[in-house]
Amino acid sequence: MSWEPKDPWGQQGGSDPLDDVIKKAQEQWQQMKPSKGMRSIIWIVIAIFAFSQAVFKVEPDEEGLVKRFGDVVRTVGPGPHLKIPFLETVSRISNQSSRPHPNRSARGADADWGHEHSFGGIYCSI
């Protein structure tokens, strides 16, 4: 006695409706799939976007802190640099030790004021 599967819907010799749906979906996917030329263009656009996210520039009066997931992994000096796109971020820190006096004129600090001293960014006139 051999086992013969029976169609639960009572159809004899007909095609399976699930197979028809799968074949139809595969045909639609083949029609929607981009051609080889279009795939190349898509990959080029993705590569340009990733490269633009990987390049950064640190100004001459700055220092860059490269962070990966919030932890500092390295510091970089002025100039162009690379980072891992989407995983690393860059924080720029100014290298200026003190800011210029707000009332300093083009003639110099001593012209309008007496001698000036800076204590941690606080300016005093003597």
PDB file of N, CA and C in Angstrom:
ATOM      1  N   MET A   1       0.845  -1.165   0.000  1.00  0.00           N
ATOM      2  CA  MET A   1       0.000   0.000   0.000  1.00  0.00           C
ATOM      3  C   MET A   1       0.900   1.241   0.000  1.00  0.00           C
ATOM      4  N   SER A   2       0.743   2.080  -0.981  1.00  0.00           N
ATOM      5  CA  SER A   2       1.547   3.293  -1.057  1.00  0.00           C
ATOM      6  C   SER A   2       0.717   4.488  -0.603  1.00  0.00           C
ATOM      7  N   TRP A   3       1.454   5.462  -0.118  1.00  0.00           N
ATOM      8  CA  TRP A   3       0.767   6.663   0.384  1.00  0.00           C
ATOM      9  C   TRP A   3       0.707   7.695  -0.714  1.00  0.00           C
ATOM     10  N   GLU A   4      -0.473   8.189  -0.966  1.00  0.00           N
ATOM     11  CA  GLU A   4      -0.664   9.219  -1.961  1.00  0.00           C
ATOM     12  C   GLU A   4      -1.267  10.432  -1.271  1.00  0.00           C
ATOM     13  N   PRO A   5      -0.542  11.576  -1.364  1.00  0.00           N
ATOM     14  CA  PRO A   5      -1.094  12.757  -0.693  1.00  0.00           C
ATOM     15  C   PRO A   5      -2.374  13.212  -1.368  1.00  0.00           C
ATOM     16  N   LYS A   6      -3.271  13.682  -0.550  1.00  0.00           N
ATOM     17  CA  LYS A   6      -4.542  14.180  -1.075  1.00  0.00           C
ATOM     18  C   LYS A   6      -4.592  15.690  -0.898  1.00  0.00           C
ATOM     19  N   ASP A   7      -5.174  16.348  -1.862  1.00  0.00           N
ATOM     20  CA  ASP A   7      -5.344  17.780  -1.798  1.00  0.00           C
ATOM     21  C   ASP A   7      -6.423  18.092  -0.772  1.00  0.00           C
ATOM     22  N   PRO A   8      -6.118  18.917   0.249  1.00  0.00           N
ATOM     23  CA  PRO A   8      -7.126  19.186   1.278  1.00  0.00           C
ATOM     24  C   PRO A   8      -8.331  19.950   0.751  1.00  0.00           C
ATOM     25  N   TRP A   9      -8.184  20.615  -0.418  1.00  0.00           N
ATOM     26  CA  TRP A   9      -9.309  21.369  -0.962  1.00  0.00           C
ATOM     27  C   TRP A   9     -10.085  20.553  -1.990  1.00  0.00           C
ATOM     28  N   GLY A  10      -9.672  19.330  -2.169  1.00  0.00           N
ATOM     29  CA  GLY A  10     -10.415  18.447  -3.058  1.00  0.00           C
ATOM     30  C   GLY A  10     -10.121  18.640  -4.536  1.00  0.00           C
ATOM     31  N   GLN A  11      -9.052  19.339  -4.885  1.00  0.00           N
ATOM     32  CA  GLN A  11      -8.721  19.541  -6.284  1.00  0.00           C
ATOM     33  C   GLN A  11      -7.799  18.410  -6.737  1.00  0.00           C
ATOM     34  N   GLN A  12      -8.087  17.832  -7.840  1.00  0.00           N
ATOM     35  CA  GLN A  12      -7.268  16.771  -8.403  1.00  0.00           C
ATOM     36  C   GLN A  12      -6.518  17.307  -9.621  1.00  0.00           C
ATOM     37  N   GLY A  13      -5.184  17.171  -9.599  1.00  0.00           N
ATOM     38  CA  GLY A  13      -4.402  17.525 -10.765  1.00  0.00           C
ATOM     39  C   GLY A  13      -4.242  19.019 -11.001  1.00  0.00           C
ATOM     40  N   GLY A  14      -4.822  19.888 -10.205  1.00  0.00           N
ATOM     41  CA  GLY A  14      -4.695  21.333 -10.398  1.00  0.00           C
ATOM     42  C   GLY A  14      -3.397  21.841  -9.779  1.00  0.00           C
ATOM     43  N   SER A  15      -3.028  23.038 -10.123  1.00  0.00           N
ATOM     44  CA  SER A  15      -1.817  23.610  -9.540  1.00  0.00           C
ATOM     45  C   SER A  15      -2.127  24.188  -8.169  1.00  0.00           C
ATOM     46  N   ASP A  16      -1.112  24.235  -7.359  1.00  0.00           N
ATOM     47  CA  ASP A  16      -1.252  24.747  -6.002  1.00  0.00           C
ATOM     48  C   ASP A  16      -1.374  26.268  -6.057  1.00  0.00           C
ATOM     49  N   PRO A  17      -2.371  26.857  -5.395  1.00  0.00           N
ATOM     50  CA  PRO A  17      -2.530  28.311  -5.446  1.00  0.00           C
ATOM     51  C   PRO A  17      -1.346  29.055  -4.800  1.00  0.00           C
ATOM     52  N   LEU A  18      -0.712  28.447  -3.808  1.00  0.00           N
ATOM     53  CA  LEU A  18       0.433  29.081  -3.173  1.00  0.00           C
ATOM     54  C   LEU A  18       1.605  29.148  -4.148  1.00  0.00           C
ATOM     55  N   ASP A  19       1.787  28.090  -4.938  1.00  0.00           N
ATOM     56  CA  ASP A  19       2.839  28.104  -5.951  1.00  0.00           C
ATOM     57  C   ASP A  19       2.590  29.201  -6.976  1.00  0.00           C
ATOM     58  N   ASP A  20       1.324  29.401  -7.349  1.00  0.00           N
ATOM     59  CA  ASP A  20       0.986  30.454  -8.305  1.00  0.00           C
ATOM     60  C   ASP A  20       1.320  31.833  -7.743  1.00  0.00           C
ATOM     61  N   VAL A  21       1.018  32.044  -6.464  1.00  0.00           N
ATOM     62  CA  VAL A  21       1.310  33.332  -5.829  1.00  0.00           C
ATOM     63  C   VAL A  21       2.821  33.569  -5.774  1.00  0.00           C
ATOM     64  N   ILE A  22       3.579  32.534  -5.428  1.00  0.00           N
ATOM     65  CA  ILE A  22       5.033  32.659  -5.338  1.00  0.00           C
ATOM     66  C   ILE A  22       5.620  32.959  -6.721  1.00  0.00           C
ATOM     67  N   LYS A  23       5.158  32.265  -7.758  1.00  0.00           N
ATOM     68  CA  LYS A  23       5.656  32.516  -9.118  1.00  0.00           C
ATOM     69  C   LYS A  23       5.328  33.936  -9.572  1.00  0.00           C
ATOM     70  N   LYS A  24       4.127  34.407  -9.235  1.00  0.00           N
ATOM     71  CA  LYS A  24       3.726  35.751  -9.618  1.00  0.00           C
ATOM     72  C   LYS A  24       4.588  36.795  -8.901  1.00  0.00           C
ATOM     73  N   ALA A  25       4.872  36.561  -7.626  1.00  0.00           N
ATOM     74  CA  ALA A  25       5.717  37.489  -6.866  1.00  0.00           C
ATOM     75  C   ALA A  25       7.137  37.513  -7.429  1.00  0.00           C
ATOM     76  N   GLN A  26       7.677  36.351  -7.808  1.00  0.00           N
ATOM     77  CA  GLN A  26       9.013  36.297  -8.397  1.00  0.00           C
ATOM     78  C   GLN A  26       9.069  37.036  -9.726  1.00  0.00           C
ATOM     79  N   GLU A  27       8.036  36.904 -10.551  1.00  0.00           N
ATOM     80  CA  GLU A  27       7.989  37.615 -11.822  1.00  0.00           C
ATOM     81  C   GLU A  27       7.949  39.128 -11.603  1.00  0.00           C
ATOM     82  N   GLN A  28       7.169  39.575 -10.621  1.00  0.00           N
ATOM     83  CA  GLN A  28       7.092  41.008 -10.334  1.00  0.00           C
ATOM     84  C   GLN A  28       8.434  41.519  -9.798  1.00  0.00           C
ATOM     85  N   TRP A  29       9.096  40.703  -8.983  1.00  0.00           N
ATOM     86  CA  TRP A  29      10.395  41.117  -8.451  1.00  0.00           C
ATOM     87  C   TRP A  29      11.417  41.282  -9.575  1.00  0.00           C
ATOM     88  N   GLN A  30      11.397  40.369 -10.544  1.00  0.00           N
ATOM     89  CA  GLN A  30      12.320  40.459 -11.673  1.00  0.00           C
ATOM     90  C   GLN A  30      12.074  41.724 -12.485  1.00  0.00           C
ATOM     91  N   GLN A  31      10.811  42.141 -12.580  1.00  0.00           N
ATOM     92  CA  GLN A  31      10.492  43.355 -13.326  1.00  0.00           C
ATOM     93  C   GLN A  31      10.925  44.610 -12.561  1.00  0.00           C
ATOM     94  N   MET A  32      10.848  44.573 -11.232  1.00  0.00           N
ATOM     95  CA  MET A  32      11.182  45.742 -10.410  1.00  0.00           C
ATOM     96  C   MET A  32      12.688  45.872 -10.170  1.00  0.00           C
ATOM     97  N   LYS A  33      13.409  44.784 -10.259  1.00  0.00           N
ATOM     98  CA  LYS A  33      14.841  44.789  -9.974  1.00  0.00           C
ATOM     99  C   LYS A  33      15.560  45.691 -10.970  1.00  0.00           C
ATOM    100  N   PRO A  34      16.464  46.568 -10.460  1.00  0.00           N
ATOM    101  CA  PRO A  34      17.149  47.475 -11.382  1.00  0.00           C
ATOM    102  C   PRO A  34      18.099  46.729 -12.311  1.00  0.00           C
ATOM    103  N   SER A  35      18.330  47.319 -13.471  1.00  0.00           N
ATOM    104  CA  SER A  35      19.244  46.710 -14.430  1.00  0.00           C
ATOM    105  C   SER A  35      20.675  46.863 -13.925  1.00  0.00           C
ATOM    106  N   LYS A  36      21.630  46.244 -14.618  1.00  0.00           N
ATOM    107  CA  LYS A  36      23.036  46.295 -14.182  1.00  0.00           C
ATOM    108  C   LYS A  36      23.575  47.710 -14.192  1.00  0.00           C
ATOM    109  N   GLY A  37      23.211  48.499 -15.183  1.00  0.00           N
ATOM    110  CA  GLY A  37      23.660  49.889 -15.244  1.00  0.00           C
ATOM    111  C   GLY A  37      23.115  50.708 -14.088  1.00  0.00           C
ATOM    112  N   MET A  38      21.855  50.490 -13.766  1.00  0.00           N
ATOM    113  CA  MET A  38      21.239  51.219 -12.653  1.00  0.00           C
ATOM    114  C   MET A  38      21.847  50.785 -11.325  1.00  0.00           C
ATOM    115  N   ARG A  39      22.160  49.502 -11.168  1.00  0.00           N
ATOM    116  CA  ARG A  39      22.808  49.033  -9.935  1.00  0.00           C
ATOM    117  C   ARG A  39      24.167  49.689  -9.756  1.00  0.00           C
ATOM    118  N   SER A  40      24.899  49.857 -10.848  1.00  0.00           N
ATOM    119  CA  SER A  40      26.206  50.513 -10.766  1.00  0.00           C
ATOM    120  C   SER A  40      26.058  51.948 -10.300  1.00  0.00           C
ATOM    121  N   ILE A  41      25.078  52.652 -10.822  1.00  0.00           N
ATOM    122  CA  ILE A  41      24.840  54.035 -10.410  1.00  0.00           C
ATOM    123  C   ILE A  41      24.469  54.103  -8.941  1.00  0.00           C
ATOM    124  N   ILE A  42      23.632  53.183  -8.486  1.00  0.00           N
ATOM    125  CA  ILE A  42      23.234  53.158  -7.069  1.00  0.00           C
ATOM    126  C   ILE A  42      24.453  52.923  -6.183  1.00  0.00           C
ATOM    127  N   TRP A  43      25.317  51.993  -6.553  1.00  0.00           N
ATOM    128  CA  TRP A  43      26.521  51.720  -5.755  1.00  0.00           C
ATOM    129  C   TRP A  43      27.469  52.911  -5.740  1.00  0.00           C
ATOM    130  N   ILE A  44      27.582  53.612  -6.855  1.00  0.00           N
ATOM    131  CA  ILE A  44      28.447  54.793  -6.910  1.00  0.00           C
ATOM    132  C   ILE A  44      27.909  55.887  -5.988  1.00  0.00           C
ATOM    133  N   VAL A  45      26.602  56.104  -5.998  1.00  0.00           N
ATOM    134  CA  VAL A  45      25.988  57.105  -5.113  1.00  0.00           C
ATOM    135  C   VAL A  45      26.209  56.725  -3.650  1.00  0.00           C
ATOM    136  N   ILE A  46      26.052  55.457  -3.306  1.00  0.00           N
ATOM    137  CA  ILE A  46      26.278  55.005  -1.923  1.00  0.00           C
ATOM    138  C   ILE A  46      27.744  55.215  -1.537  1.00  0.00           C
ATOM    139  N   ALA A  47      28.673  54.915  -2.451  1.00  0.00           N
ATOM    140  CA  ALA A  47      30.096  55.081  -2.155  1.00  0.00           C
ATOM    141  C   ALA A  47      30.451  56.550  -1.951  1.00  0.00           C
ATOM    142  N   ILE A  48      29.904  57.440  -2.771  1.00  0.00           N
ATOM    143  CA  ILE A  48      30.171  58.871  -2.611  1.00  0.00           C
ATOM    144  C   ILE A  48      29.622  59.377  -1.292  1.00  0.00           C
ATOM    145  N   PHE A  49      28.427  58.948  -0.928  1.00  0.00           N
ATOM    146  CA  PHE A  49      27.833  59.361   0.346  1.00  0.00           C
ATOM    147  C   PHE A  49      28.669  58.865   1.527  1.00  0.00           C
ATOM    148  N   ALA A  50      29.113  57.605   1.485  1.00  0.00           N
ATOM    149  CA  ALA A  50      29.929  57.061   2.581  1.00  0.00           C
ATOM    150  C   ALA A  50      31.266  57.801   2.682  1.00  0.00           C
ATOM    151  N   PHE A  51      31.886  58.112   1.538  1.00  0.00           N
ATOM    152  CA  PHE A  51      33.158  58.843   1.555  1.00  0.00           C
ATOM    153  C   PHE A  51      32.969  60.245   2.118  1.00  0.00           C
ATOM    154  N   SER A  52      31.851  60.893   1.766  1.00  0.00           N
ATOM    155  CA  SER A  52      31.610  62.237   2.294  1.00  0.00           C
ATOM    156  C   SER A  52      31.408  62.213   3.806  1.00  0.00           C
ATOM    157  N   GLN A  53      30.919  61.105   4.335  1.00  0.00           N
ATOM    158  CA  GLN A  53      30.755  60.971   5.780  1.00  0.00           C
ATOM    159  C   GLN A  53      32.059  60.582   6.469  1.00  0.00           C
ATOM    160  N   ALA A  54      33.039  60.094   5.712  1.00  0.00           N
ATOM    161  CA  ALA A  54      34.295  59.622   6.290  1.00  0.00           C
ATOM    162  C   ALA A  54      35.362  60.709   6.366  1.00  0.00           C
ATOM    163  N   VAL A  55      35.256  61.748   5.551  1.00  0.00           N
ATOM    164  CA  VAL A  55      36.282  62.785   5.487  1.00  0.00           C
ATOM    165  C   VAL A  55      35.880  63.950   6.386  1.00  0.00           C
ATOM    166  N   PHE A  56      36.844  64.466   7.143  1.00  0.00           N
ATOM    167  CA  PHE A  56      36.604  65.670   7.931  1.00  0.00           C
ATOM    168  C   PHE A  56      37.869  66.501   7.981  1.00  0.00           C
ATOM    169  N   LYS A  57      37.715  67.775   8.279  1.00  0.00           N
ATOM    170  CA  LYS A  57      38.831  68.708   8.293  1.00  0.00           C
ATOM    171  C   LYS A  57      38.880  69.402   9.654  1.00  0.00           C
ATOM    172  N   VAL A  58      40.087  69.477  10.206  1.00  0.00           N
ATOM    173  CA  VAL A  58      40.307  70.186  11.460  1.00  0.00           C
ATOM    174  C   VAL A  58      41.047  71.477  11.118  1.00  0.00           C
ATOM    175  N   GLU A  59      40.541  72.593  11.585  1.00  0.00           N
ATOM    176  CA  GLU A  59      41.133  73.899  11.307  1.00  0.00           C
ATOM    177  C   GLU A  59      42.461  74.061  12.048  1.00  0.00           C
ATOM    178  N   PRO A  60      43.321  75.002  11.601  1.00  0.00           N
ATOM    179  CA  PRO A  60      44.640  75.179  12.213  1.00  0.00           C
ATOM    180  C   PRO A  60      44.610  75.529  13.707  1.00  0.00           C
ATOM    181  N   ASP A  61      43.576  76.212  14.153  1.00  0.00           N
ATOM    182  CA  ASP A  61      43.507  76.585  15.566  1.00  0.00           C
ATOM    183  C   ASP A  61      42.657  75.611  16.378  1.00  0.00           C
ATOM    184  N   GLU A  62      42.452  74.391  15.871  1.00  0.00           N
ATOM    185  CA  GLU A  62      41.617  73.397  16.544  1.00  0.00           C
ATOM    186  C   GLU A  62      42.368  72.081  16.710  1.00  0.00           C
ATOM    187  N   GLU A  63      41.810  71.254  17.567  1.00  0.00           N
ATOM    188  CA  GLU A  63      42.253  69.875  17.725  1.00  0.00           C
ATOM    189  C   GLU A  63      41.000  69.016  17.648  1.00  0.00           C
ATOM    190  N   GLY A  64      41.082  67.888  16.969  1.00  0.00           N
ATOM    191  CA  GLY A  64      39.913  67.032  16.812  1.00  0.00           C
ATOM    192  C   GLY A  64      39.968  65.817  17.717  1.00  0.00           C
ATOM    193  N   LEU A  65      38.854  65.533  18.369  1.00  0.00           N
ATOM    194  CA  LEU A  65      38.716  64.316  19.173  1.00  0.00           C
ATOM    195  C   LEU A  65      37.814  63.367  18.404  1.00  0.00           C
ATOM    196  N   VAL A  66      38.342  62.220  18.015  1.00  0.00           N
ATOM    197  CA  VAL A  66      37.565  61.225  17.286  1.00  0.00           C
ATOM    198  C   VAL A  66      36.984  60.261  18.309  1.00  0.00           C
ATOM    199  N   LYS A  67      35.656  60.155  18.310  1.00  0.00           N
ATOM    200  CA  LYS A  67      34.957  59.300  19.277  1.00  0.00           C
ATOM    201  C   LYS A  67      34.258  58.170  18.552  1.00  0.00           C
ATOM    202  N   ARG A  68      34.353  56.986  19.112  1.00  0.00           N
ATOM    203  CA  ARG A  68      33.630  55.827  18.603  1.00  0.00           C
ATOM    204  C   ARG A  68      32.706  55.371  19.716  1.00  0.00           C
ATOM    205  N   PHE A  69      31.414  55.445  19.466  1.00  0.00           N
ATOM    206  CA  PHE A  69      30.388  55.107  20.447  1.00  0.00           C
ATOM    207  C   PHE A  69      30.566  55.909  21.730  1.00  0.00           C
ATOM    208  N   GLY A  70      31.003  57.174  21.613  1.00  0.00           N
ATOM    209  CA  GLY A  70      31.141  58.059  22.756  1.00  0.00           C
ATOM    210  C   GLY A  70      32.478  58.007  23.462  1.00  0.00           C
ATOM    211  N   ASP A  71      33.320  57.026  23.171  1.00  0.00           N
ATOM    212  CA  ASP A  71      34.646  56.924  23.790  1.00  0.00           C
ATOM    213  C   ASP A  71      35.686  57.517  22.848  1.00  0.00           C
ATOM    214  N   VAL A  72      36.589  58.348  23.395  1.00  0.00           N
ATOM    215  CA  VAL A  72      37.638  58.955  22.574  1.00  0.00           C
ATOM    216  C   VAL A  72      38.630  57.862  22.175  1.00  0.00           C
ATOM    217  N   VAL A  73      38.841  57.711  20.858  1.00  0.00           N
ATOM    218  CA  VAL A  73      39.776  56.700  20.372  1.00  0.00           C
ATOM    219  C   VAL A  73      41.088  57.309  19.902  1.00  0.00           C
ATOM    220  N   ARG A  74      41.058  58.598  19.496  1.00  0.00           N
ATOM    221  CA  ARG A  74      42.299  59.258  19.098  1.00  0.00           C
ATOM    222  C   ARG A  74      42.063  60.755  18.992  1.00  0.00           C
ATOM    223  N   THR A  75      43.170  61.492  19.005  1.00  0.00           N
ATOM    224  CA  THR A  75      43.120  62.926  18.755  1.00  0.00           C
ATOM    225  C   THR A  75      43.871  63.192  17.458  1.00  0.00           C
ATOM    226  N   VAL A  76      43.414  64.195  16.729  1.00  0.00           N
ATOM    227  CA  VAL A  76      44.036  64.533  15.456  1.00  0.00           C
ATOM    228  C   VAL A  76      44.330  66.024  15.426  1.00  0.00           C
ATOM    229  N   GLY A  77      45.399  66.376  14.721  1.00  0.00           N
ATOM    230  CA  GLY A  77      45.792  67.767  14.566  1.00  0.00           C
ATOM    231  C   GLY A  77      45.122  68.397  13.365  1.00  0.00           C
ATOM    232  N   PRO A  78      45.554  69.604  13.007  1.00  0.00           N
ATOM    233  CA  PRO A  78      44.957  70.307  11.874  1.00  0.00           C
ATOM    234  C   PRO A  78      45.158  69.559  10.557  1.00  0.00           C
ATOM    235  N   GLY A  79      44.198  69.734   9.660  1.00  0.00           N
ATOM    236  CA  GLY A  79      44.281  69.150   8.334  1.00  0.00           C
ATOM    237  C   GLY A  79      43.147  68.186   8.044  1.00  0.00           C
ATOM    238  N   PRO A  80      43.140  67.603   6.854  1.00  0.00           N
ATOM    239  CA  PRO A  80      42.106  66.632   6.492  1.00  0.00           C
ATOM    240  C   PRO A  80      42.404  65.262   7.097  1.00  0.00           C
ATOM    241  N   HIS A  81      41.358  64.558   7.492  1.00  0.00           N
ATOM    242  CA  HIS A  81      41.493  63.243   8.119  1.00  0.00           C
ATOM    243  C   HIS A  81      40.331  62.354   7.695  1.00  0.00           C
ATOM    244  N   LEU A  82      40.460  61.060   8.009  1.00  0.00           N
ATOM    245  CA  LEU A  82      39.399  60.089   7.742  1.00  0.00           C
ATOM    246  C   LEU A  82      38.901  59.492   9.044  1.00  0.00           C
ATOM    247  N   LYS A  83      37.637  59.097   9.033  1.00  0.00           N
ATOM    248  CA  LYS A  83      37.036  58.390  10.166  1.00  0.00           C
ATOM    249  C   LYS A  83      36.136  57.292   9.607  1.00  0.00           C
ATOM    250  N   ILE A  84      35.707  56.394  10.466  1.00  0.00           N
ATOM    251  CA  ILE A  84      34.792  55.334  10.033  1.00  0.00           C
ATOM    252  C   ILE A  84      33.397  55.949   9.933  1.00  0.00           C
ATOM    253  N   PRO A  85      32.794  55.938   8.739  1.00  0.00           N
ATOM    254  CA  PRO A  85      31.486  56.576   8.598  1.00  0.00           C
ATOM    255  C   PRO A  85      30.434  55.918   9.479  1.00  0.00           C
ATOM    256  N   PHE A  86      29.585  56.751  10.057  1.00  0.00           N
ATOM    257  CA  PHE A  86      28.419  56.356  10.839  1.00  0.00           C
ATOM    258  C   PHE A  86      28.773  55.759  12.204  1.00  0.00           C
ATOM    259  N   LEU A  87      30.028  55.381  12.454  1.00  0.00           N
ATOM    260  CA  LEU A  87      30.416  54.819  13.751  1.00  0.00           C
ATOM    261  C   LEU A  87      31.200  55.819  14.589  1.00  0.00           C
ATOM    262  N   GLU A  88      31.979  56.671  13.934  1.00  0.00           N
ATOM    263  CA  GLU A  88      32.809  57.628  14.649  1.00  0.00           C
ATOM    264  C   GLU A  88      32.292  59.049  14.436  1.00  0.00           C
ATOM    265  N   THR A  89      32.430  59.866  15.485  1.00  0.00           N
ATOM    266  CA  THR A  89      32.079  61.279  15.412  1.00  0.00           C
ATOM    267  C   THR A  89      33.306  62.097  15.786  1.00  0.00           C
ATOM    268  N   VAL A  90      33.321  63.359  15.394  1.00  0.00           N
ATOM    269  CA  VAL A  90      34.457  64.232  15.663  1.00  0.00           C
ATOM    270  C   VAL A  90      33.982  65.440  16.448  1.00  0.00           C
ATOM    271  N   SER A  91      34.669  65.735  17.555  1.00  0.00           N
ATOM    272  CA  SER A  91      34.448  66.959  18.315  1.00  0.00           C
ATOM    273  C   SER A  91      35.674  67.830  18.126  1.00  0.00           C
ATOM    274  N   ARG A  92      35.450  69.082  17.812  1.00  0.00           N
ATOM    275  CA  ARG A  92      36.569  70.005  17.594  1.00  0.00           C
ATOM    276  C   ARG A  92      36.723  70.901  18.812  1.00  0.00           C
ATOM    277  N   ILE A  93      37.970  71.035  19.278  1.00  0.00           N
ATOM    278  CA  ILE A  93      38.277  71.841  20.450  1.00  0.00           C
ATOM    279  C   ILE A  93      39.241  72.937  20.008  1.00  0.00           C
ATOM    280  N   SER A  94      38.959  74.166  20.412  1.00  0.00           N
ATOM    281  CA  SER A  94      39.818  75.290  20.060  1.00  0.00           C
ATOM    282  C   SER A  94      41.113  75.223  20.849  1.00  0.00           C
ATOM    283  N   ASN A  95      42.239  75.503  20.190  1.00  0.00           N
ATOM    284  CA  ASN A  95      43.547  75.492  20.842  1.00  0.00           C
ATOM    285  C   ASN A  95      43.919  76.836  21.452  1.00  0.00           C
ATOM    286  N   GLN A  96      43.092  77.863  21.301  1.00  0.00           N
ATOM    287  CA  GLN A  96      43.418  79.179  21.836  1.00  0.00           C
ATOM    288  C   GLN A  96      43.377  79.120  23.357  1.00  0.00           C
ATOM    289  N   SER A  97      44.488  79.519  23.998  1.00  0.00           N
ATOM    290  CA  SER A  97      44.553  79.432  25.450  1.00  0.00           C
ATOM    291  C   SER A  97      43.766  80.550  26.125  1.00  0.00           C
ATOM    292  N   SER A  98      43.691  81.719  25.498  1.00  0.00           N
ATOM    293  CA  SER A  98      42.902  82.806  26.069  1.00  0.00           C
ATOM    294  C   SER A  98      42.234  83.571  24.950  1.00  0.00           C
ATOM    295  N   ARG A  99      41.118  84.124  25.272  1.00  0.00           N
ATOM    296  CA  ARG A  99      40.406  84.893  24.264  1.00  0.00           C
ATOM    297  C   ARG A  99      40.885  86.340  24.308  1.00  0.00           C
ATOM    298  N   PRO A 100      40.758  87.063  23.215  1.00  0.00           N
ATOM    299  CA  PRO A 100      41.226  88.450  23.205  1.00  0.00           C
ATOM    300  C   PRO A 100      40.367  89.324  24.112  1.00  0.00           C
ATOM    301  N   HIS A 101      40.964  90.357  24.591  1.00  0.00           N
ATOM    302  CA  HIS A 101      40.262  91.290  25.470  1.00  0.00           C
ATOM    303  C   HIS A 101      39.132  91.952  24.700  1.00  0.00           C
ATOM    304  N   PRO A 102      37.956  92.082  25.287  1.00  0.00           N
ATOM    305  CA  PRO A 102      36.829  92.648  24.549  1.00  0.00           C
ATOM    306  C   PRO A 102      37.014  94.115  24.187  1.00  0.00           C
ATOM    307  N   ASN A 103      37.821  94.875  24.960  1.00  0.00           N
ATOM    308  CA  ASN A 103      38.006  96.302  24.682  1.00  0.00           C
ATOM    309  C   ASN A 103      39.332  96.592  23.998  1.00  0.00           C
ATOM    310  N   ARG A 104      40.031  95.593  23.518  1.00  0.00           N
ATOM    311  CA  ARG A 104      41.337  95.785  22.894  1.00  0.00           C
ATOM    312  C   ARG A 104      41.151  96.496  21.552  1.00  0.00           C
ATOM    313  N   SER A 105      41.925  97.539  21.338  1.00  0.00           N
ATOM    314  CA  SER A 105      41.820  98.293  20.087  1.00  0.00           C
ATOM    315  C   SER A 105      42.926  97.840  19.142  1.00  0.00           C
ATOM    316  N   ALA A 106      42.920  98.399  17.945  1.00  0.00           N
ATOM    317  CA  ALA A 106      43.934  98.053  16.959  1.00  0.00           C
ATOM    318  C   ALA A 106      45.303  98.596  17.364  1.00  0.00           C
ATOM    319  N   ARG A 107      45.335  99.615  18.242  1.00  0.00           N
ATOM    320  CA  ARG A 107      46.609 100.209  18.670  1.00  0.00           C
ATOM    321  C   ARG A 107      47.311  99.345  19.707  1.00  0.00           C
ATOM    322  N   GLY A 108      46.609  98.411  20.303  1.00  0.00           N
ATOM    323  CA  GLY A 108      47.207  97.559  21.327  1.00  0.00           C
ATOM    324  C   GLY A 108      46.533  97.767  22.669  1.00  0.00           C
ATOM    325  N   ALA A 109      46.771  96.860  23.561  1.00  0.00           N
ATOM    326  CA  ALA A 109      46.103  96.901  24.853  1.00  0.00           C
ATOM    327  C   ALA A 109      46.660  98.002  25.745  1.00  0.00           C
ATOM    328  N   ASP A 110      47.943  98.281  25.635  1.00  0.00           N
ATOM    329  CA  ASP A 110      48.557  99.244  26.547  1.00  0.00           C
ATOM    330  C   ASP A 110      48.243 100.686  26.177  1.00  0.00           C
ATOM    331  N   ALA A 111      47.703 100.938  24.978  1.00  0.00           N
ATOM    332  CA  ALA A 111      47.451 102.310  24.554  1.00  0.00           C
ATOM    333  C   ALA A 111      46.301 102.931  25.335  1.00  0.00           C
ATOM    334  N   ASP A 112      45.220 102.176  25.552  1.00  0.00           N
ATOM    335  CA  ASP A 112      44.051 102.724  26.236  1.00  0.00           C
ATOM    336  C   ASP A 112      44.053 102.396  27.723  1.00  0.00           C
ATOM    337  N   TRP A 113      44.596 101.305  28.084  1.00  0.00           N
ATOM    338  CA  TRP A 113      44.575 100.848  29.459  1.00  0.00           C
ATOM    339  C   TRP A 113      46.005 100.842  29.978  1.00  0.00           C
ATOM    340  N   GLY A 114      46.177 100.650  31.229  1.00  0.00           N
ATOM    341  CA  GLY A 114      47.512 100.488  31.773  1.00  0.00           C
ATOM    342  C   GLY A 114      48.028  99.126  31.373  1.00  0.00           C
ATOM    343  N   HIS A 115      48.833  98.544  32.172  1.00  0.00           N
ATOM    344  CA  HIS A 115      49.318  97.198  31.898  1.00  0.00           C
ATOM    345  C   HIS A 115      48.202  96.209  32.221  1.00  0.00           C
ATOM    346  N   GLU A 116      48.019  95.241  31.329  1.00  0.00           N
ATOM    347  CA  GLU A 116      46.960  94.251  31.530  1.00  0.00           C
ATOM    348  C   GLU A 116      47.563  92.893  31.835  1.00  0.00           C
ATOM    349  N   HIS A 117      46.882  92.178  32.667  1.00  0.00           N
ATOM    350  CA  HIS A 117      47.274  90.820  33.012  1.00  0.00           C
ATOM    351  C   HIS A 117      46.058  89.921  32.868  1.00  0.00           C
ATOM    352  N   SER A 118      46.327  88.680  32.460  1.00  0.00           N
ATOM    353  CA  SER A 118      45.246  87.717  32.306  1.00  0.00           C
ATOM    354  C   SER A 118      45.433  86.605  33.318  1.00  0.00           C
ATOM    355  N   PHE A 119      44.377  86.324  34.064  1.00  0.00           N
ATOM    356  CA  PHE A 119      44.383  85.238  35.025  1.00  0.00           C
ATOM    357  C   PHE A 119      43.271  84.265  34.630  1.00  0.00           C
ATOM    358  N   GLY A 120      43.634  83.247  33.854  1.00  0.00           N
ATOM    359  CA  GLY A 120      42.645  82.239  33.457  1.00  0.00           C
ATOM    360  C   GLY A 120      41.520  82.822  32.634  1.00  0.00           C
ATOM    361  N   GLY A 121      41.809  83.787  31.761  1.00  0.00           N
ATOM    362  CA  GLY A 121      40.774  84.361  30.923  1.00  0.00           C
ATOM    363  C   GLY A 121      40.113  85.587  31.528  1.00  0.00           C
ATOM    364  N   ILE A 122      40.459  85.956  32.793  1.00  0.00           N
ATOM    365  CA  ILE A 122      39.902  87.153  33.422  1.00  0.00           C
ATOM    366  C   ILE A 122      40.953  88.253  33.263  1.00  0.00           C
ATOM    367  N   TYR A 123      40.550  89.377  32.689  1.00  0.00           N
ATOM    368  CA  TYR A 123      41.486  90.459  32.405  1.00  0.00           C
ATOM    369  C   TYR A 123      41.412  91.526  33.495  1.00  0.00           C
ATOM    370  N   CYS A 124      42.551  91.959  33.912  1.00  0.00           N
ATOM    371  CA  CYS A 124      42.628  93.008  34.933  1.00  0.00           C
ATOM    372  C   CYS A 124      43.510  94.126  34.418  1.00  0.00           C
ATOM    373  N   SER A 125      43.129  95.361  34.666  1.00  0.00           N
ATOM    374  CA  SER A 125      43.944  96.509  34.299  1.00  0.00           C
ATOM    375  C   SER A 125      44.615  97.050  35.549  1.00  0.00           C
ATOM    376  N   ILE A 126      45.881  97.402  35.418  1.00  0.00           N
ATOM    377  CA  ILE A 126      46.615  97.955  36.571  1.00  0.00           C
ATOM    378  C   ILE A 126      46.936  99.400  36.263  1.00  0.00           C
TER     379      ILE A 126
END
